[in-house]
Amino acid sequence: MKSPQTNGICERFHLTMKNEFYASAFRRKLYRSIDELQADVDAWIASYNTERTHSGKYCYGKTPMQTFLDSKRLSDEKQLDRTSPTVNENRVAA
C-alpha cells in the first residue's frame, strides 16, 4: 500500500542502508562488478535482519527476524482465508 507510513518506513530503511552500508562499503572496496556489490549487500541485509537489534515499533530491542518469528503465529491466525473457504470458493459453477 502506498500510505505515508509505509513510505516513511521505506525511506528510513534507505537512509539506514546508505549510512551503514554504502557510505563505508565504497570507502573500503572498489567493486568490479554488480555481482560483487550484490554479494556484499546480501550479507549486510542478512546481518541487518538477524544480528542487529532494532528499536523500532514492535521490535523492542529484538532483531527483525526475531520479531517476525515471534509474531508469525499471530499473523497465521489472522489469515482467515487459509482456514475457512471464502465466499468465491463456496459458489457452485452454473
Protein backbone atom coordinates (compact mmCIF):
# COMPACT_ATOMS: atom_id res chain seq x y z
CA MET A 1 0.00 0.00 0.00
CA LYS A 2 1.17 3.48 -0.71
CA SER A 3 0.46 5.08 2.63
CA PRO A 4 2.59 7.82 4.17
CA GLN A 5 3.55 5.41 6.95
CA THR A 6 4.77 2.76 4.52
CA ASN A 7 6.69 5.33 2.51
CA GLY A 8 8.30 6.65 5.70
CA ILE A 9 9.41 3.15 6.69
CA CYS A 10 10.95 2.61 3.24
CA GLU A 11 12.67 5.99 3.30
CA ARG A 12 14.09 5.29 6.76
CA PHE A 13 15.43 1.91 5.63
CA HIS A 14 17.07 3.52 2.58
CA LEU A 15 18.74 6.10 4.82
CA THR A 16 19.97 3.38 7.20
CA MET A 17 21.34 1.36 4.28
CA LYS A 18 23.04 4.43 2.84
CA ASN A 19 24.62 5.38 6.17
CA GLU A 20 25.52 1.93 7.48
CA PHE A 21 26.40 0.08 4.30
CA TYR A 22 27.08 2.18 1.22
CA ALA A 23 28.97 5.02 2.92
CA SER A 24 31.57 2.64 4.31
CA ALA A 25 31.49 -0.05 1.59
CA PHE A 26 32.58 2.32 -1.16
CA ARG A 27 35.43 3.63 1.02
CA ARG A 28 36.72 0.13 1.79
CA LYS A 29 36.42 -1.56 -1.58
CA LEU A 30 36.47 -0.92 -5.31
CA TYR A 31 33.67 -3.01 -6.79
CA ARG A 32 34.45 -4.51 -10.17
CA SER A 33 31.02 -5.98 -10.87
CA ILE A 34 27.40 -5.64 -9.83
CA ASP A 35 27.51 -9.27 -8.62
CA GLU A 36 30.35 -8.41 -6.23
CA LEU A 37 28.36 -5.47 -4.85
CA GLN A 38 25.20 -7.59 -4.63
CA ALA A 39 27.02 -10.23 -2.56
CA ASP A 40 28.05 -7.57 -0.03
CA VAL A 41 24.54 -6.06 0.01
CA ASP A 42 23.07 -9.53 0.64
CA ALA A 43 25.49 -10.10 3.53
CA TRP A 44 24.65 -6.70 5.03
CA ILE A 45 20.89 -7.31 4.77
CA ALA A 46 21.27 -10.73 6.40
CA SER A 47 23.16 -9.10 9.26
CA TYR A 48 20.60 -6.26 9.45
CA ASN A 49 17.75 -8.76 9.78
CA THR A 50 19.34 -11.40 12.03
CA GLU A 51 22.12 -9.80 14.09
CA ARG A 52 21.43 -6.10 14.52
CA THR A 53 18.85 -5.29 17.18
CA HIS A 54 16.25 -2.65 16.37
CA SER A 55 14.46 -0.10 18.49
CA GLY A 56 11.55 0.35 16.08
CA LYS A 57 7.90 -0.16 16.83
CA TYR A 58 7.20 -3.74 17.93
CA CYS A 59 10.88 -4.76 17.85
CA TYR A 60 11.68 -3.80 21.45
CA GLY A 61 15.40 -4.44 21.03
CA LYS A 62 15.00 -7.67 19.07
CA THR A 63 16.19 -8.33 15.54
CA PRO A 64 13.64 -8.05 12.73
CA MET A 65 13.80 -11.82 12.24
CA GLN A 66 13.10 -12.43 15.93
CA THR A 67 10.16 -10.02 15.74
CA PHE A 68 8.84 -11.77 12.63
CA LEU A 69 9.13 -15.23 14.14
CA ASP A 70 7.55 -14.11 17.42
CA SER A 71 4.55 -12.65 15.60
CA LYS A 72 4.18 -15.25 12.84
CA ARG A 73 1.71 -17.31 14.88
CA LEU A 74 -0.50 -14.24 15.33
CA SER A 75 -0.29 -13.46 11.64
CA ASP A 76 -1.18 -17.03 10.70
CA GLU A 77 -4.22 -16.89 12.99
CA LYS A 78 -5.43 -13.73 11.22
CA GLN A 79 -5.27 -15.39 7.80
CA LEU A 80 -8.88 -16.49 7.91
CA ASP A 81 -8.95 -17.40 4.22
CA ARG A 82 -6.41 -20.14 4.95
CA THR A 83 -8.65 -21.83 7.50
CA SER A 84 -12.11 -21.48 6.02
CA PRO A 85 -13.47 -21.27 2.47
CA THR A 86 -14.03 -17.81 1.04
CA VAL A 87 -17.30 -16.68 -0.50
CA ASN A 88 -15.98 -17.39 -4.02
CA GLU A 89 -14.95 -20.93 -3.05
CA ASN A 90 -18.47 -21.67 -1.82
CA ARG A 91 -20.09 -20.81 -5.16
CA VAL A 92 -21.12 -23.66 -7.39
CA ALA A 93 -20.37 -23.28 -11.07
CA ALA A 94 -23.56 -22.85 -13.13
